[in-house]
Amino acid sequence: MEAQVKNLLKEHSLRLTQGRADVISIFLNRNIAISHGDIESDVDGKYDRVTIYRTLKSFLEKGLIHKVLDDSGATRYALCSDNCSEVSHQHNHIHFKCQVCNETTCLDNVHIPDVALPNGFKVSESNYLITGTCDKCN
C-alpha cells in the first residue's frame, strides 16, 4: 500500500508528507465516500482539523479526490478515477447511498442516460444520487 500511496501523490504532483500519506491510506482502505469528520476520527488526533482541511483541498485541486454530495447535505469525498486531473474532474457517475449503513459509494461502471436540457442551458457539473440498500446490507 505504501508504494500505491507514493505513486498516487507523485502522479498528482503532490509532495509526500506523512499527513497526506495517512489520508490517502484512509481513502484506499475505506473505498467509500468519507467526510472530513470520518478522517478526523480515523487519525485520532494525530492531525488537527485545519491540516485535514488543507490536505483535502490540495487533493481536490490536483484531481485526486472529488466531492460527493448526498441527501444529508454533508460533503463527502471519494478518490477520483484515473481520468481526473488538475485541469478537469471527470466524475460523471452515480453515487449510491445505502439507507441502512449510510455509506455512499461511487458506481463508476453504471451507465447514466443522456439528459437533454432546454436551449440556453449549459451543464457545468451534475450529481447523481440513488438511495436504497447496498449489497452488504441487502
C-alpha atoms as a PDB file:
ATOM      1  CA  MET A   1       0.000   0.000   0.000  1.00  0.00           C
ATOM      2  CA  GLU A   2       2.893   2.356   0.734  1.00  0.00           C
ATOM      3  CA  ALA A   3       4.031   2.213  -2.904  1.00  0.00           C
ATOM      4  CA  GLN A   4       0.480   2.888  -4.107  1.00  0.00           C
ATOM      5  CA  VAL A   5       0.236   5.955  -1.844  1.00  0.00           C
ATOM      6  CA  LYS A   6       3.584   7.306  -3.087  1.00  0.00           C
ATOM      7  CA  ASN A   7       2.602   6.733  -6.718  1.00  0.00           C
ATOM      8  CA  LEU A   8      -0.770   8.469  -6.311  1.00  0.00           C
ATOM      9  CA  LEU A   9       0.823  11.535  -4.750  1.00  0.00           C
ATOM     10  CA  LYS A  10       3.590  11.631  -7.360  1.00  0.00           C
ATOM     11  CA  GLU A  11       1.122  11.229 -10.268  1.00  0.00           C
ATOM     12  CA  HIS A  12      -0.808  14.247  -8.976  1.00  0.00           C
ATOM     13  CA  SER A  13       2.297  16.379  -8.345  1.00  0.00           C
ATOM     14  CA  LEU A  14       1.841  16.346  -4.581  1.00  0.00           C
ATOM     15  CA  ARG A  15       4.738  16.247  -2.164  1.00  0.00           C
ATOM     16  CA  LEU A  16       4.824  13.196   0.081  1.00  0.00           C
ATOM     17  CA  THR A  17       4.135  14.067   3.716  1.00  0.00           C
ATOM     18  CA  GLN A  18       3.050  11.748   6.486  1.00  0.00           C
ATOM     19  CA  GLY A  19      -0.298  13.552   6.761  1.00  0.00           C
ATOM     20  CA  ARG A  20      -1.054  13.176   3.063  1.00  0.00           C
ATOM     21  CA  ALA A  21       0.021   9.542   3.118  1.00  0.00           C
ATOM     22  CA  ASP A  22      -2.222   8.840   6.099  1.00  0.00           C
ATOM     23  CA  VAL A  23      -5.244  10.497   4.497  1.00  0.00           C
ATOM     24  CA  ILE A  24      -4.759   8.705   1.155  1.00  0.00           C
ATOM     25  CA  SER A  25      -4.430   5.412   3.041  1.00  0.00           C
ATOM     26  CA  ILE A  26      -7.821   6.064   4.664  1.00  0.00           C
ATOM     27  CA  PHE A  27      -9.416   6.535   1.237  1.00  0.00           C
ATOM     28  CA  LEU A  28      -7.779   3.378  -0.099  1.00  0.00           C
ATOM     29  CA  ASN A  29      -8.798   1.288   2.920  1.00  0.00           C
ATOM     30  CA  ARG A  30     -12.399   2.503   3.114  1.00  0.00           C
ATOM     31  CA  ASN A  31     -13.237   2.554  -0.621  1.00  0.00           C
ATOM     32  CA  ILE A  32     -16.372   4.647   0.049  1.00  0.00           C
ATOM     33  CA  ALA A  33     -17.107   8.363   0.163  1.00  0.00           C
ATOM     34  CA  ILE A  34     -15.944   9.768   3.501  1.00  0.00           C
ATOM     35  CA  SER A  35     -16.391  13.045   5.338  1.00  0.00           C
ATOM     36  CA  HIS A  36     -13.892  15.350   6.981  1.00  0.00           C
ATOM     37  CA  GLY A  37     -15.210  14.056  10.320  1.00  0.00           C
ATOM     38  CA  ASP A  38     -14.597  10.440   9.275  1.00  0.00           C
ATOM     39  CA  ILE A  39     -10.979  11.295   8.549  1.00  0.00           C
ATOM     40  CA  GLU A  40     -10.638  13.142  11.861  1.00  0.00           C
ATOM     41  CA  SER A  41     -11.911  10.050  13.670  1.00  0.00           C
ATOM     42  CA  ASP A  42      -9.575   7.739  11.777  1.00  0.00           C
ATOM     43  CA  VAL A  43      -6.438   9.810  12.500  1.00  0.00           C
ATOM     44  CA  ASP A  44      -7.495  10.065  16.160  1.00  0.00           C
ATOM     45  CA  GLY A  45      -5.969  13.469  16.956  1.00  0.00           C
ATOM     46  CA  LYS A  46      -2.740  12.942  15.014  1.00  0.00           C
ATOM     47  CA  TYR A  47      -3.611  15.931  12.774  1.00  0.00           C
ATOM     48  CA  ASP A  48      -5.734  18.960  13.536  1.00  0.00           C
ATOM     49  CA  ARG A  49      -8.903  19.958  11.706  1.00  0.00           C
ATOM     50  CA  VAL A  50      -7.158  22.629   9.595  1.00  0.00           C
ATOM     51  CA  THR A  51      -4.412  20.263   8.436  1.00  0.00           C
ATOM     52  CA  ILE A  52      -7.023  17.755   7.281  1.00  0.00           C
ATOM     53  CA  TYR A  53      -8.992  20.521   5.542  1.00  0.00           C
ATOM     54  CA  ARG A  54      -5.875  21.749   3.706  1.00  0.00           C
ATOM     55  CA  THR A  55      -4.976  18.199   2.721  1.00  0.00           C
ATOM     56  CA  LEU A  56      -8.451  17.606   1.263  1.00  0.00           C
ATOM     57  CA  LYS A  57      -8.329  20.966  -0.527  1.00  0.00           C
ATOM     58  CA  SER A  58      -4.995  20.150  -2.173  1.00  0.00           C
ATOM     59  CA  PHE A  59      -6.288  16.690  -3.181  1.00  0.00           C
ATOM     60  CA  LEU A  60      -9.374  18.298  -4.757  1.00  0.00           C
ATOM     61  CA  GLU A  61      -7.307  20.868  -6.637  1.00  0.00           C
ATOM     62  CA  LYS A  62      -4.988  18.204  -8.042  1.00  0.00           C
ATOM     63  CA  GLY A  63      -7.783  15.885  -9.204  1.00  0.00           C
ATOM     64  CA  LEU A  64      -7.033  13.137  -6.691  1.00  0.00           C
ATOM     65  CA  ILE A  65     -10.453  13.225  -4.961  1.00  0.00           C
ATOM     66  CA  HIS A  66     -13.888  14.626  -5.795  1.00  0.00           C
ATOM     67  CA  LYS A  67     -16.784  15.905  -3.724  1.00  0.00           C
ATOM     68  CA  VAL A  68     -19.773  13.649  -3.223  1.00  0.00           C
ATOM     69  CA  LEU A  69     -22.987  15.331  -2.176  1.00  0.00           C
ATOM     70  CA  ASP A  70     -25.597  13.152  -0.545  1.00  0.00           C
ATOM     71  CA  ASP A  71     -29.124  13.670   0.736  1.00  0.00           C
ATOM     72  CA  SER A  72     -27.907  14.611   4.226  1.00  0.00           C
ATOM     73  CA  GLY A  73     -26.285  17.797   2.941  1.00  0.00           C
ATOM     74  CA  ALA A  74     -22.909  16.633   4.220  1.00  0.00           C
ATOM     75  CA  THR A  75     -19.941  16.855   1.891  1.00  0.00           C
ATOM     76  CA  ARG A  76     -18.088  13.617   1.439  1.00  0.00           C
ATOM     77  CA  TYR A  77     -15.043  12.870  -0.652  1.00  0.00           C
ATOM     78  CA  ALA A  78     -14.024   9.903  -2.782  1.00  0.00           C
ATOM     79  CA  LEU A  79     -10.991   9.001  -4.838  1.00  0.00           C
ATOM     80  CA  CYS A  80     -11.223  10.067  -8.455  1.00  0.00           C
ATOM     81  CA  SER A  81     -10.950   7.630 -11.303  1.00  0.00           C
ATOM     82  CA  ASP A  82      -7.824   7.597 -13.436  1.00  0.00           C
ATOM     83  CA  ASN A  83      -9.166  10.163 -15.899  1.00  0.00           C
ATOM     84  CA  CYS A  84      -9.334  13.105 -13.464  1.00  0.00           C
ATOM     85  CA  SER A  85      -6.634  15.741 -13.396  1.00  0.00           C
ATOM     86  CA  GLU A  86      -5.809  19.157 -12.039  1.00  0.00           C
ATOM     87  CA  VAL A  87      -7.459  20.659 -15.127  1.00  0.00           C
ATOM     88  CA  SER A  88     -10.614  18.553 -15.308  1.00  0.00           C
ATOM     89  CA  HIS A  89     -12.602  16.319 -12.982  1.00  0.00           C
ATOM     90  CA  GLN A  90     -14.378  13.549 -14.883  1.00  0.00           C
ATOM     91  CA  HIS A  91     -16.647  12.209 -12.163  1.00  0.00           C
ATOM     92  CA  ASN A  92     -19.874  11.996 -14.067  1.00  0.00           C
ATOM     93  CA  HIS A  93     -21.033   8.809 -12.380  1.00  0.00           C
ATOM     94  CA  ILE A  94     -23.704   7.610  -9.996  1.00  0.00           C
ATOM     95  CA  HIS A  95     -23.350   7.772  -6.222  1.00  0.00           C
ATOM     96  CA  PHE A  96     -25.320   5.235  -4.235  1.00  0.00           C
ATOM     97  CA  LYS A  97     -26.247   5.888  -0.596  1.00  0.00           C
ATOM     98  CA  CYS A  98     -27.377   2.934   1.486  1.00  0.00           C
ATOM     99  CA  GLN A  99     -30.324   3.735   3.742  1.00  0.00           C
ATOM    100  CA  VAL A 100     -29.230   1.038   6.192  1.00  0.00           C
ATOM    101  CA  CYS A 101     -25.481   1.621   6.744  1.00  0.00           C
ATOM    102  CA  ASN A 102     -25.444   5.215   5.385  1.00  0.00           C
ATOM    103  CA  GLU A 103     -22.357   4.533   3.258  1.00  0.00           C
ATOM    104  CA  THR A 104     -22.085   6.358  -0.059  1.00  0.00           C
ATOM    105  CA  THR A 105     -20.313   4.540  -2.871  1.00  0.00           C
ATOM    106  CA  CYS A 106     -19.226   5.634  -6.355  1.00  0.00           C
ATOM    107  CA  LEU A 107     -20.686   3.430  -9.078  1.00  0.00           C
ATOM    108  CA  ASP A 108     -18.294   4.230 -11.919  1.00  0.00           C
ATOM    109  CA  ASN A 109     -19.472   1.463 -14.248  1.00  0.00           C
ATOM    110  CA  VAL A 110     -23.205   2.212 -14.224  1.00  0.00           C
ATOM    111  CA  HIS A 111     -24.407   3.922 -17.420  1.00  0.00           C
ATOM    112  CA  ILE A 112     -26.026   7.320 -16.997  1.00  0.00           C
ATOM    113  CA  PRO A 113     -28.544   8.207 -19.690  1.00  0.00           C
ATOM    114  CA  ASP A 114     -28.062  11.496 -21.522  1.00  0.00           C
ATOM    115  CA  VAL A 115     -30.119  14.376 -20.201  1.00  0.00           C
ATOM    116  CA  ALA A 116     -31.423  16.798 -22.813  1.00  0.00           C
ATOM    117  CA  LEU A 117     -31.576  20.284 -21.353  1.00  0.00           C
ATOM    118  CA  PRO A 118     -33.603  23.134 -22.865  1.00  0.00           C
ATOM    119  CA  ASN A 119     -31.863  25.523 -25.262  1.00  0.00           C
ATOM    120  CA  GLY A 120     -29.667  28.025 -23.480  1.00  0.00           C
ATOM    121  CA  PHE A 121     -28.829  25.728 -20.552  1.00  0.00           C
ATOM    122  CA  LYS A 122     -25.253  24.505 -20.190  1.00  0.00           C
ATOM    123  CA  VAL A 123     -24.109  21.800 -17.771  1.00  0.00           C
ATOM    124  CA  SER A 124     -21.002  22.516 -15.710  1.00  0.00           C
ATOM    125  CA  GLU A 125     -21.440  19.660 -13.253  1.00  0.00           C
ATOM    126  CA  SER A 126     -24.016  17.019 -12.467  1.00  0.00           C
ATOM    127  CA  ASN A 127     -24.632  14.918  -9.388  1.00  0.00           C
ATOM    128  CA  TYR A 128     -26.481  11.625  -9.479  1.00  0.00           C
ATOM    129  CA  LEU A 129     -27.540  10.120  -6.164  1.00  0.00           C
ATOM    130  CA  ILE A 130     -29.517   6.943  -5.831  1.00  0.00           C
ATOM    131  CA  THR A 131     -30.638   5.747  -2.407  1.00  0.00           C
ATOM    132  CA  GLY A 132     -31.573   2.221  -1.437  1.00  0.00           C
ATOM    133  CA  THR A 133     -29.952  -0.807   0.142  1.00  0.00           C
ATOM    134  CA  CYS A 134     -26.370  -1.763  -0.724  1.00  0.00           C
ATOM    135  CA  ASP A 135     -25.171  -5.272  -1.488  1.00  0.00           C
ATOM    136  CA  LYS A 136     -23.736  -5.700   2.032  1.00  0.00           C
ATOM    137  CA  CYS A 137     -26.985  -4.727   3.771  1.00  0.00           C
ATOM    138  CA  ASN A 138     -29.410  -6.373   1.357  1.00  0.00           C
END
